[in-house]
Amino acid sequence: MSEYLIQQKYLGQAARTVVKNPAGVPQFLLVGSWGPKGNVLSVYSMSGTLLAFVKRVPWSFGTRFDLYQDYQKVGTMNRLFHFTLDLYYIQKLGWHVFGNVEEHQYHIFQFRRQVMAMTSGSFTFGDCYVLDIPQVTEAPLAICIASVLDYWLYNTKKDPQKNLKPNLSLD
């Protein structure tokens, strides 16, 4: 089982993020951003090879993300259920994501086979997300899915007071 670490403040952000193993050796580079200027996050090997990327589908009902590996579309991620237990489905891959996304405690399964388990932990160099991925070849896609879940978690929370603020200027 391979274990990867991503610093908590960088997952899903508009920054270059280095994904390391527990020994601190860089394994992958996560590059890209969400928002009006870009809707793609890419996972590169440390040699510079593009391994996988996730792209937000514009103008879709709800929010969907397409997953690509080796420049081929391998799946589409949809949110199915969000209440006390989060449930997501990745079409084509047949992967199910369930758990508590707010606490960063969730699993990805393909039927009964575990693809990834995510937890959070504290290390000497800071707080990190710990991704346990049994098959190394599935790591880039699992990192893409983790970044999408982080995006959904922090960008779907609405500010209830936003519409109540007066739009006054003193100019």
N, C-alpha and C. Protein backbone atom coordinates (compact mmCIF):
# COMPACT_ATOMS: atom_id res chain seq x y z
N MET A 1 0.85 -1.18 0.00
CA MET A 1 0.00 0.00 0.00
C MET A 1 0.89 1.24 0.00
N SER A 2 0.65 2.15 -0.92
CA SER A 2 1.41 3.39 -1.01
C SER A 2 0.69 4.48 -0.22
N GLU A 3 1.46 5.30 0.42
CA GLU A 3 0.91 6.38 1.22
C GLU A 3 1.47 7.70 0.69
N TYR A 4 0.59 8.68 0.55
CA TYR A 4 0.99 9.99 0.04
C TYR A 4 0.51 11.07 1.00
N LEU A 5 1.25 12.16 1.08
CA LEU A 5 0.94 13.26 1.97
C LEU A 5 0.77 14.54 1.16
N ILE A 6 -0.29 15.30 1.45
CA ILE A 6 -0.54 16.59 0.83
C ILE A 6 -0.81 17.57 1.96
N GLN A 7 -0.11 18.69 1.98
CA GLN A 7 -0.35 19.67 3.03
C GLN A 7 -1.78 20.20 2.91
N GLN A 8 -2.45 20.35 4.05
CA GLN A 8 -3.87 20.69 4.06
C GLN A 8 -4.17 22.01 3.39
N LYS A 9 -3.35 22.99 3.53
CA LYS A 9 -3.68 24.30 2.98
C LYS A 9 -3.53 24.37 1.46
N TYR A 10 -2.96 23.33 0.84
CA TYR A 10 -2.70 23.40 -0.59
C TYR A 10 -3.58 22.53 -1.46
N LEU A 11 -4.30 21.59 -0.91
CA LEU A 11 -5.11 20.71 -1.73
C LEU A 11 -6.26 21.49 -2.35
N GLY A 12 -6.37 21.44 -3.67
CA GLY A 12 -7.45 22.11 -4.37
C GLY A 12 -7.29 23.61 -4.50
N GLN A 13 -6.17 24.17 -4.12
CA GLN A 13 -5.95 25.61 -4.21
C GLN A 13 -5.24 25.96 -5.51
N ALA A 14 -5.20 27.24 -5.80
CA ALA A 14 -4.53 27.72 -7.02
C ALA A 14 -3.05 27.88 -6.73
N ALA A 15 -2.39 26.77 -6.55
CA ALA A 15 -0.96 26.79 -6.26
C ALA A 15 -0.34 25.50 -6.75
N ARG A 16 0.95 25.50 -6.84
CA ARG A 16 1.65 24.26 -7.16
C ARG A 16 1.82 23.49 -5.86
N THR A 17 1.36 22.27 -5.86
CA THR A 17 1.39 21.45 -4.66
C THR A 17 2.24 20.22 -4.93
N VAL A 18 3.14 19.95 -4.03
CA VAL A 18 3.98 18.77 -4.14
C VAL A 18 3.36 17.68 -3.27
N VAL A 19 3.12 16.53 -3.87
CA VAL A 19 2.60 15.36 -3.16
C VAL A 19 3.80 14.50 -2.82
N LYS A 20 3.95 14.21 -1.52
CA LYS A 20 5.15 13.50 -1.06
C LYS A 20 4.77 12.14 -0.48
N ASN A 21 5.79 11.29 -0.32
CA ASN A 21 5.59 10.05 0.42
C ASN A 21 5.93 10.33 1.89
N PRO A 22 5.68 9.40 2.81
CA PRO A 22 5.93 9.68 4.24
C PRO A 22 7.38 10.02 4.57
N ALA A 23 8.32 9.63 3.72
CA ALA A 23 9.72 9.96 3.95
C ALA A 23 10.05 11.39 3.51
N GLY A 24 9.09 12.07 2.90
CA GLY A 24 9.30 13.45 2.45
C GLY A 24 9.82 13.57 1.04
N VAL A 25 9.87 12.47 0.31
CA VAL A 25 10.35 12.48 -1.07
C VAL A 25 9.20 12.86 -2.00
N PRO A 26 9.37 13.88 -2.84
CA PRO A 26 8.30 14.28 -3.77
C PRO A 26 7.97 13.17 -4.76
N GLN A 27 6.67 12.95 -4.96
CA GLN A 27 6.20 11.91 -5.88
C GLN A 27 5.45 12.49 -7.07
N PHE A 28 4.59 13.49 -6.82
CA PHE A 28 3.77 14.09 -7.86
C PHE A 28 3.72 15.60 -7.67
N LEU A 29 3.35 16.30 -8.74
CA LEU A 29 3.14 17.74 -8.70
C LEU A 29 1.71 18.01 -9.15
N LEU A 30 0.95 18.71 -8.31
CA LEU A 30 -0.44 19.07 -8.59
C LEU A 30 -0.46 20.54 -8.98
N VAL A 31 -0.89 20.83 -10.22
CA VAL A 31 -0.85 22.19 -10.76
C VAL A 31 -2.21 22.53 -11.37
N GLY A 32 -2.64 23.78 -11.19
CA GLY A 32 -3.87 24.24 -11.81
C GLY A 32 -4.65 25.12 -10.87
N SER A 33 -5.87 25.46 -11.28
CA SER A 33 -6.71 26.31 -10.45
C SER A 33 -8.17 26.12 -10.82
N TRP A 34 -9.04 26.49 -9.89
CA TRP A 34 -10.47 26.52 -10.11
C TRP A 34 -10.90 27.98 -10.16
N GLY A 35 -11.89 28.28 -10.94
CA GLY A 35 -12.40 29.64 -10.98
C GLY A 35 -12.55 30.15 -12.39
N PRO A 36 -12.74 31.48 -12.54
CA PRO A 36 -13.01 32.04 -13.86
C PRO A 36 -11.84 31.96 -14.82
N LYS A 37 -10.61 31.89 -14.31
CA LYS A 37 -9.45 31.87 -15.21
C LYS A 37 -8.97 30.47 -15.53
N GLY A 38 -9.48 29.46 -14.86
CA GLY A 38 -9.05 28.11 -15.14
C GLY A 38 -9.89 27.11 -14.39
N ASN A 39 -10.19 26.01 -15.01
CA ASN A 39 -11.00 24.98 -14.39
C ASN A 39 -10.37 23.62 -14.56
N VAL A 40 -9.05 23.55 -14.47
CA VAL A 40 -8.35 22.29 -14.66
C VAL A 40 -7.27 22.15 -13.60
N LEU A 41 -7.20 20.97 -13.00
CA LEU A 41 -6.11 20.61 -12.12
C LEU A 41 -5.41 19.41 -12.73
N SER A 42 -4.08 19.46 -12.81
CA SER A 42 -3.31 18.40 -13.44
C SER A 42 -2.34 17.79 -12.45
N VAL A 43 -2.10 16.48 -12.61
CA VAL A 43 -1.13 15.76 -11.79
C VAL A 43 0.01 15.33 -12.71
N TYR A 44 1.21 15.79 -12.37
CA TYR A 44 2.41 15.47 -13.14
C TYR A 44 3.33 14.59 -12.32
N SER A 45 4.11 13.76 -13.01
CA SER A 45 5.18 13.05 -12.33
C SER A 45 6.31 14.04 -12.09
N MET A 46 7.24 13.71 -11.26
CA MET A 46 8.34 14.64 -10.97
C MET A 46 9.27 14.80 -12.16
N SER A 47 9.15 13.93 -13.16
CA SER A 47 9.94 14.08 -14.38
C SER A 47 9.25 14.99 -15.40
N GLY A 48 8.02 15.43 -15.09
CA GLY A 48 7.32 16.36 -15.97
C GLY A 48 6.27 15.73 -16.86
N THR A 49 5.99 14.46 -16.72
CA THR A 49 5.00 13.78 -17.55
C THR A 49 3.60 13.99 -16.97
N LEU A 50 2.66 14.39 -17.81
CA LEU A 50 1.27 14.55 -17.38
C LEU A 50 0.67 13.17 -17.18
N LEU A 51 0.20 12.91 -15.96
CA LEU A 51 -0.37 11.60 -15.62
C LEU A 51 -1.89 11.60 -15.65
N ALA A 52 -2.49 12.64 -15.11
CA ALA A 52 -3.96 12.73 -15.05
C ALA A 52 -4.35 14.18 -14.85
N PHE A 53 -5.59 14.50 -15.22
CA PHE A 53 -6.12 15.82 -14.92
C PHE A 53 -7.62 15.74 -14.78
N VAL A 54 -8.16 16.72 -14.08
CA VAL A 54 -9.59 16.83 -13.85
C VAL A 54 -10.03 18.18 -14.35
N LYS A 55 -11.16 18.19 -15.07
CA LYS A 55 -11.65 19.40 -15.72
C LYS A 55 -13.11 19.61 -15.34
N ARG A 56 -13.42 20.81 -14.93
CA ARG A 56 -14.81 21.13 -14.57
C ARG A 56 -15.63 21.26 -15.85
N VAL A 57 -16.83 20.66 -15.86
CA VAL A 57 -17.70 20.71 -17.02
C VAL A 57 -18.51 21.99 -16.94
N PRO A 58 -18.34 22.92 -17.90
CA PRO A 58 -19.09 24.18 -17.84
C PRO A 58 -20.54 23.97 -18.27
N TRP A 59 -21.40 24.81 -17.72
CA TRP A 59 -22.81 24.85 -18.07
C TRP A 59 -23.50 23.50 -17.90
N SER A 60 -23.20 22.82 -16.84
CA SER A 60 -23.88 21.55 -16.59
C SER A 60 -24.86 21.73 -15.44
N PHE A 61 -25.87 20.88 -15.40
CA PHE A 61 -26.83 20.91 -14.30
C PHE A 61 -26.11 20.36 -13.08
N GLY A 62 -25.95 21.17 -12.06
CA GLY A 62 -25.12 20.78 -10.93
C GLY A 62 -23.67 20.99 -11.31
N THR A 63 -22.79 20.49 -10.53
CA THR A 63 -21.37 20.61 -10.83
C THR A 63 -20.83 19.23 -11.13
N ARG A 64 -20.22 19.10 -12.29
CA ARG A 64 -19.63 17.83 -12.71
C ARG A 64 -18.18 18.06 -13.08
N PHE A 65 -17.39 17.02 -12.92
CA PHE A 65 -15.98 17.08 -13.27
C PHE A 65 -15.64 15.85 -14.10
N ASP A 66 -14.92 16.08 -15.20
CA ASP A 66 -14.44 14.98 -16.04
C ASP A 66 -13.02 14.64 -15.64
N LEU A 67 -12.73 13.34 -15.55
CA LEU A 67 -11.40 12.85 -15.19
C LEU A 67 -10.72 12.29 -16.43
N TYR A 68 -9.46 12.64 -16.60
CA TYR A 68 -8.68 12.20 -17.74
C TYR A 68 -7.40 11.54 -17.27
N GLN A 69 -7.02 10.46 -17.95
CA GLN A 69 -5.74 9.82 -17.70
C GLN A 69 -5.13 9.48 -19.05
N ASP A 70 -3.87 9.86 -19.23
CA ASP A 70 -3.19 9.69 -20.52
C ASP A 70 -3.99 10.31 -21.65
N TYR A 71 -4.53 11.49 -21.43
CA TYR A 71 -5.31 12.29 -22.39
C TYR A 71 -6.60 11.60 -22.83
N GLN A 72 -7.04 10.57 -22.13
CA GLN A 72 -8.29 9.90 -22.44
C GLN A 72 -9.27 10.12 -21.29
N LYS A 73 -10.51 10.44 -21.62
CA LYS A 73 -11.52 10.62 -20.59
C LYS A 73 -11.85 9.25 -19.99
N VAL A 74 -11.67 9.15 -18.67
CA VAL A 74 -11.89 7.87 -18.00
C VAL A 74 -13.10 7.91 -17.07
N GLY A 75 -13.67 9.09 -16.82
CA GLY A 75 -14.82 9.13 -15.93
C GLY A 75 -15.37 10.52 -15.72
N THR A 76 -16.57 10.58 -15.17
CA THR A 76 -17.22 11.83 -14.81
C THR A 76 -17.68 11.71 -13.37
N MET A 77 -17.34 12.72 -12.57
CA MET A 77 -17.66 12.69 -11.15
C MET A 77 -18.88 13.54 -10.87
N ASN A 78 -19.86 12.93 -10.19
CA ASN A 78 -21.11 13.61 -9.82
C ASN A 78 -21.33 13.46 -8.32
N ARG A 79 -22.00 14.43 -7.75
CA ARG A 79 -22.41 14.34 -6.35
C ARG A 79 -23.79 13.70 -6.31
N LEU A 80 -23.92 12.61 -5.57
CA LEU A 80 -25.20 11.92 -5.48
C LEU A 80 -25.98 12.29 -4.23
N PHE A 81 -25.30 12.35 -3.11
CA PHE A 81 -25.99 12.51 -1.84
C PHE A 81 -25.10 13.28 -0.88
N HIS A 82 -25.68 14.25 -0.20
CA HIS A 82 -24.92 15.04 0.77
C HIS A 82 -25.84 15.37 1.94
N PHE A 83 -25.70 14.62 2.99
CA PHE A 83 -26.49 14.89 4.19
C PHE A 83 -25.62 14.57 5.39
N THR A 84 -25.77 13.44 6.00
CA THR A 84 -24.86 13.06 7.09
C THR A 84 -23.71 12.23 6.55
N LEU A 85 -23.92 11.58 5.42
CA LEU A 85 -22.87 10.80 4.77
C LEU A 85 -22.80 11.25 3.32
N ASP A 86 -21.62 11.64 2.90
CA ASP A 86 -21.45 12.10 1.52
C ASP A 86 -21.28 10.89 0.60
N LEU A 87 -21.89 10.96 -0.57
CA LEU A 87 -21.79 9.88 -1.55
C LEU A 87 -21.59 10.49 -2.93
N TYR A 88 -20.55 10.05 -3.60
CA TYR A 88 -20.22 10.52 -4.94
C TYR A 88 -20.02 9.29 -5.82
N TYR A 89 -20.21 9.48 -7.12
CA TYR A 89 -20.04 8.37 -8.06
C TYR A 89 -19.23 8.85 -9.24
N ILE A 90 -18.28 8.03 -9.67
CA ILE A 90 -17.47 8.33 -10.85
C ILE A 90 -17.89 7.35 -11.94
N GLN A 91 -18.63 7.88 -12.93
CA GLN A 91 -19.10 7.05 -14.04
C GLN A 91 -17.91 6.55 -14.85
N LYS A 92 -18.08 5.46 -15.53
CA LYS A 92 -17.10 4.74 -16.34
C LYS A 92 -16.11 3.96 -15.49
N LEU A 93 -15.58 4.58 -14.43
CA LEU A 93 -14.65 3.86 -13.56
C LEU A 93 -15.39 2.94 -12.59
N GLY A 94 -16.64 3.27 -12.29
CA GLY A 94 -17.40 2.50 -11.33
C GLY A 94 -16.91 2.69 -9.90
N TRP A 95 -16.34 3.85 -9.61
CA TRP A 95 -15.83 4.14 -8.28
C TRP A 95 -16.90 4.86 -7.47
N HIS A 96 -16.99 4.52 -6.20
CA HIS A 96 -17.90 5.17 -5.26
C HIS A 96 -17.07 5.83 -4.17
N VAL A 97 -17.38 7.06 -3.88
CA VAL A 97 -16.71 7.79 -2.81
C VAL A 97 -17.74 7.99 -1.71
N PHE A 98 -17.41 7.57 -0.50
CA PHE A 98 -18.32 7.83 0.60
C PHE A 98 -17.55 8.04 1.89
N GLY A 99 -18.16 8.77 2.78
CA GLY A 99 -17.56 9.07 4.07
C GLY A 99 -17.92 10.47 4.48
N ASN A 100 -17.12 11.04 5.36
CA ASN A 100 -17.34 12.38 5.86
C ASN A 100 -16.30 13.31 5.22
N VAL A 101 -16.71 14.01 4.18
CA VAL A 101 -15.79 14.88 3.45
C VAL A 101 -15.38 16.08 4.30
N GLU A 102 -16.28 16.59 5.13
CA GLU A 102 -15.94 17.74 5.98
C GLU A 102 -14.80 17.42 6.95
N GLU A 103 -14.74 16.20 7.41
CA GLU A 103 -13.67 15.78 8.33
C GLU A 103 -12.50 15.17 7.58
N HIS A 104 -12.57 15.11 6.25
CA HIS A 104 -11.55 14.49 5.41
C HIS A 104 -11.30 13.04 5.81
N GLN A 105 -12.37 12.33 6.04
CA GLN A 105 -12.35 10.91 6.39
C GLN A 105 -13.27 10.19 5.41
N TYR A 106 -12.72 9.75 4.27
CA TYR A 106 -13.56 9.08 3.30
C TYR A 106 -12.76 8.02 2.55
N HIS A 107 -13.50 7.19 1.82
CA HIS A 107 -12.92 6.07 1.08
C HIS A 107 -13.44 6.09 -0.35
N ILE A 108 -12.64 5.55 -1.25
CA ILE A 108 -13.06 5.31 -2.63
C ILE A 108 -13.00 3.81 -2.84
N PHE A 109 -14.11 3.24 -3.33
CA PHE A 109 -14.18 1.81 -3.59
C PHE A 109 -14.63 1.56 -5.02
N GLN A 110 -14.14 0.46 -5.56
CA GLN A 110 -14.68 -0.09 -6.79
C GLN A 110 -15.24 -1.45 -6.39
N PHE A 111 -16.52 -1.51 -6.22
CA PHE A 111 -17.22 -2.65 -5.61
C PHE A 111 -16.65 -2.85 -4.21
N ARG A 112 -15.94 -3.92 -3.94
CA ARG A 112 -15.38 -4.14 -2.60
C ARG A 112 -13.89 -3.80 -2.52
N ARG A 113 -13.28 -3.53 -3.65
CA ARG A 113 -11.84 -3.22 -3.67
C ARG A 113 -11.62 -1.75 -3.31
N GLN A 114 -10.77 -1.52 -2.33
CA GLN A 114 -10.48 -0.14 -1.91
C GLN A 114 -9.49 0.49 -2.88
N VAL A 115 -9.86 1.65 -3.40
CA VAL A 115 -8.99 2.41 -4.30
C VAL A 115 -8.17 3.41 -3.48
N MET A 116 -8.81 4.07 -2.51
CA MET A 116 -8.13 5.06 -1.69
C MET A 116 -8.85 5.23 -0.36
N ALA A 117 -8.08 5.54 0.66
CA ALA A 117 -8.63 5.95 1.96
C ALA A 117 -7.93 7.25 2.33
N MET A 118 -8.71 8.23 2.77
CA MET A 118 -8.14 9.53 3.14
C MET A 118 -8.42 9.83 4.60
N THR A 119 -7.38 10.29 5.27
CA THR A 119 -7.49 10.76 6.65
C THR A 119 -6.64 12.03 6.76
N SER A 120 -6.65 12.64 7.90
CA SER A 120 -5.78 13.80 8.11
C SER A 120 -4.88 13.49 9.30
N GLY A 121 -3.72 14.10 9.29
CA GLY A 121 -2.77 13.86 10.37
C GLY A 121 -1.85 15.04 10.56
N SER A 122 -1.17 15.06 11.70
CA SER A 122 -0.21 16.12 12.01
C SER A 122 1.20 15.54 11.97
N PHE A 123 2.07 16.25 11.30
CA PHE A 123 3.46 15.84 11.18
C PHE A 123 4.35 17.00 11.60
N THR A 124 5.65 16.78 11.64
CA THR A 124 6.57 17.84 12.07
C THR A 124 6.57 19.02 11.11
N PHE A 125 6.26 18.77 9.85
CA PHE A 125 6.27 19.85 8.85
C PHE A 125 4.88 20.44 8.63
N GLY A 126 3.89 20.04 9.41
CA GLY A 126 2.56 20.63 9.32
C GLY A 126 1.45 19.61 9.24
N ASP A 127 0.22 20.11 9.15
CA ASP A 127 -0.94 19.24 9.02
C ASP A 127 -1.08 18.79 7.58
N CYS A 128 -1.33 17.51 7.40
CA CYS A 128 -1.40 16.94 6.05
C CYS A 128 -2.60 16.02 5.92
N TYR A 129 -3.01 15.83 4.67
CA TYR A 129 -3.95 14.79 4.33
C TYR A 129 -3.13 13.56 3.99
N VAL A 130 -3.55 12.42 4.48
CA VAL A 130 -2.86 11.17 4.22
C VAL A 130 -3.73 10.34 3.29
N LEU A 131 -3.20 10.01 2.13
CA LEU A 131 -3.92 9.22 1.14
C LEU A 131 -3.28 7.84 1.07
N ASP A 132 -4.02 6.80 1.43
CA ASP A 132 -3.57 5.42 1.31
C ASP A 132 -4.13 4.86 0.02
N ILE A 133 -3.25 4.55 -0.92
CA ILE A 133 -3.66 4.09 -2.24
C ILE A 133 -2.93 2.78 -2.53
N PRO A 134 -3.65 1.64 -2.56
CA PRO A 134 -2.98 0.35 -2.76
C PRO A 134 -2.27 0.22 -4.11
N GLN A 135 -2.86 0.72 -5.19
CA GLN A 135 -2.24 0.58 -6.51
C GLN A 135 -1.66 1.92 -6.94
N VAL A 136 -0.37 1.95 -7.19
CA VAL A 136 0.33 3.19 -7.54
C VAL A 136 -0.20 3.79 -8.83
N THR A 137 -0.67 2.97 -9.76
CA THR A 137 -1.17 3.49 -11.04
C THR A 137 -2.46 4.28 -10.88
N GLU A 138 -3.20 4.06 -9.79
CA GLU A 138 -4.44 4.80 -9.55
C GLU A 138 -4.22 6.06 -8.73
N ALA A 139 -3.02 6.31 -8.29
CA ALA A 139 -2.73 7.46 -7.44
C ALA A 139 -3.04 8.81 -8.11
N PRO A 140 -2.66 9.05 -9.36
CA PRO A 140 -2.97 10.36 -9.96
C PRO A 140 -4.46 10.65 -10.03
N LEU A 141 -5.28 9.67 -10.40
CA LEU A 141 -6.73 9.89 -10.44
C LEU A 141 -7.29 10.10 -9.04
N ALA A 142 -6.80 9.36 -8.06
CA ALA A 142 -7.27 9.52 -6.69
C ALA A 142 -6.92 10.90 -6.15
N ILE A 143 -5.76 11.42 -6.51
CA ILE A 143 -5.36 12.77 -6.09
C ILE A 143 -6.29 13.81 -6.74
N CYS A 144 -6.64 13.60 -8.00
CA CYS A 144 -7.59 14.49 -8.67
C CYS A 144 -8.94 14.48 -7.96
N ILE A 145 -9.42 13.31 -7.59
CA ILE A 145 -10.71 13.20 -6.91
C ILE A 145 -10.65 13.90 -5.55
N ALA A 146 -9.54 13.74 -4.83
CA ALA A 146 -9.39 14.41 -3.53
C ALA A 146 -9.42 15.92 -3.69
N SER A 147 -8.82 16.44 -4.76
CA SER A 147 -8.84 17.88 -4.98
C SER A 147 -10.24 18.38 -5.33
N VAL A 148 -11.01 17.60 -6.07
CA VAL A 148 -12.39 17.97 -6.38
C VAL A 148 -13.25 17.99 -5.12
N LEU A 149 -13.07 16.99 -4.26
CA LEU A 149 -13.84 16.95 -3.02
C LEU A 149 -13.49 18.13 -2.12
N ASP A 150 -12.23 18.51 -2.10
CA ASP A 150 -11.81 19.67 -1.34
C ASP A 150 -12.42 20.94 -1.92
N TYR A 151 -12.46 21.04 -3.24
CA TYR A 151 -13.09 22.17 -3.90
C TYR A 151 -14.58 22.24 -3.54
N TRP A 152 -15.29 21.11 -3.64
CA TRP A 152 -16.71 21.09 -3.32
C TRP A 152 -16.95 21.47 -1.87
N LEU A 153 -16.08 21.02 -0.99
CA LEU A 153 -16.25 21.30 0.43
C LEU A 153 -16.15 22.79 0.72
N TYR A 154 -15.14 23.45 0.19
CA TYR A 154 -14.90 24.84 0.55
C TYR A 154 -15.56 25.86 -0.36
N ASN A 155 -16.04 25.47 -1.52
CA ASN A 155 -16.63 26.43 -2.45
C ASN A 155 -18.14 26.30 -2.60
N THR A 156 -18.77 25.40 -1.87
CA THR A 156 -20.22 25.31 -1.93
C THR A 156 -20.88 25.83 -0.67
N LYS A 157 -20.10 26.23 0.30
CA LYS A 157 -20.66 26.82 1.51
C LYS A 157 -21.03 28.26 1.20
N LYS A 158 -22.29 28.59 1.36
CA LYS A 158 -22.79 29.93 1.05
C LYS A 158 -22.70 30.82 2.28
N ASP A 159 -22.47 32.10 2.06
CA ASP A 159 -22.49 33.07 3.13
C ASP A 159 -23.93 33.55 3.29
N PRO A 160 -24.60 33.20 4.40
CA PRO A 160 -26.01 33.56 4.52
C PRO A 160 -26.24 35.06 4.63
N GLN A 161 -25.26 35.83 5.02
CA GLN A 161 -25.43 37.28 5.17
C GLN A 161 -25.06 38.04 3.90
N LYS A 162 -24.59 37.37 2.89
CA LYS A 162 -24.11 38.05 1.69
C LYS A 162 -25.20 38.89 1.01
N ASN A 163 -26.39 38.36 0.91
CA ASN A 163 -27.46 39.09 0.24
C ASN A 163 -28.08 40.18 1.11
N LEU A 164 -27.78 40.19 2.38
CA LEU A 164 -28.37 41.17 3.28
C LEU A 164 -27.52 42.42 3.44
N LYS A 165 -26.29 42.41 2.93
CA LYS A 165 -25.41 43.57 3.08
C LYS A 165 -25.80 44.65 2.09
N PRO A 166 -25.93 45.87 2.54
CA PRO A 166 -26.27 46.95 1.61
C PRO A 166 -25.08 47.25 0.71
N ASN A 167 -25.36 47.64 -0.49
CA ASN A 167 -24.33 47.92 -1.47
C ASN A 167 -24.18 49.46 -1.56
N LEU A 168 -23.59 50.05 -0.55
CA LEU A 168 -23.43 51.50 -0.47
C LEU A 168 -21.97 51.88 -0.69
N SER A 169 -21.76 52.99 -1.33
CA SER A 169 -20.40 53.50 -1.47
C SER A 169 -20.40 54.95 -1.02
N LEU A 170 -19.30 55.38 -0.49
CA LEU A 170 -19.18 56.73 0.01
C LEU A 170 -18.40 57.64 -0.94
N ASP A 171 -18.26 57.23 -2.18
CA ASP A 171 -17.52 58.03 -3.17
C ASP A 171 -18.34 59.18 -3.69
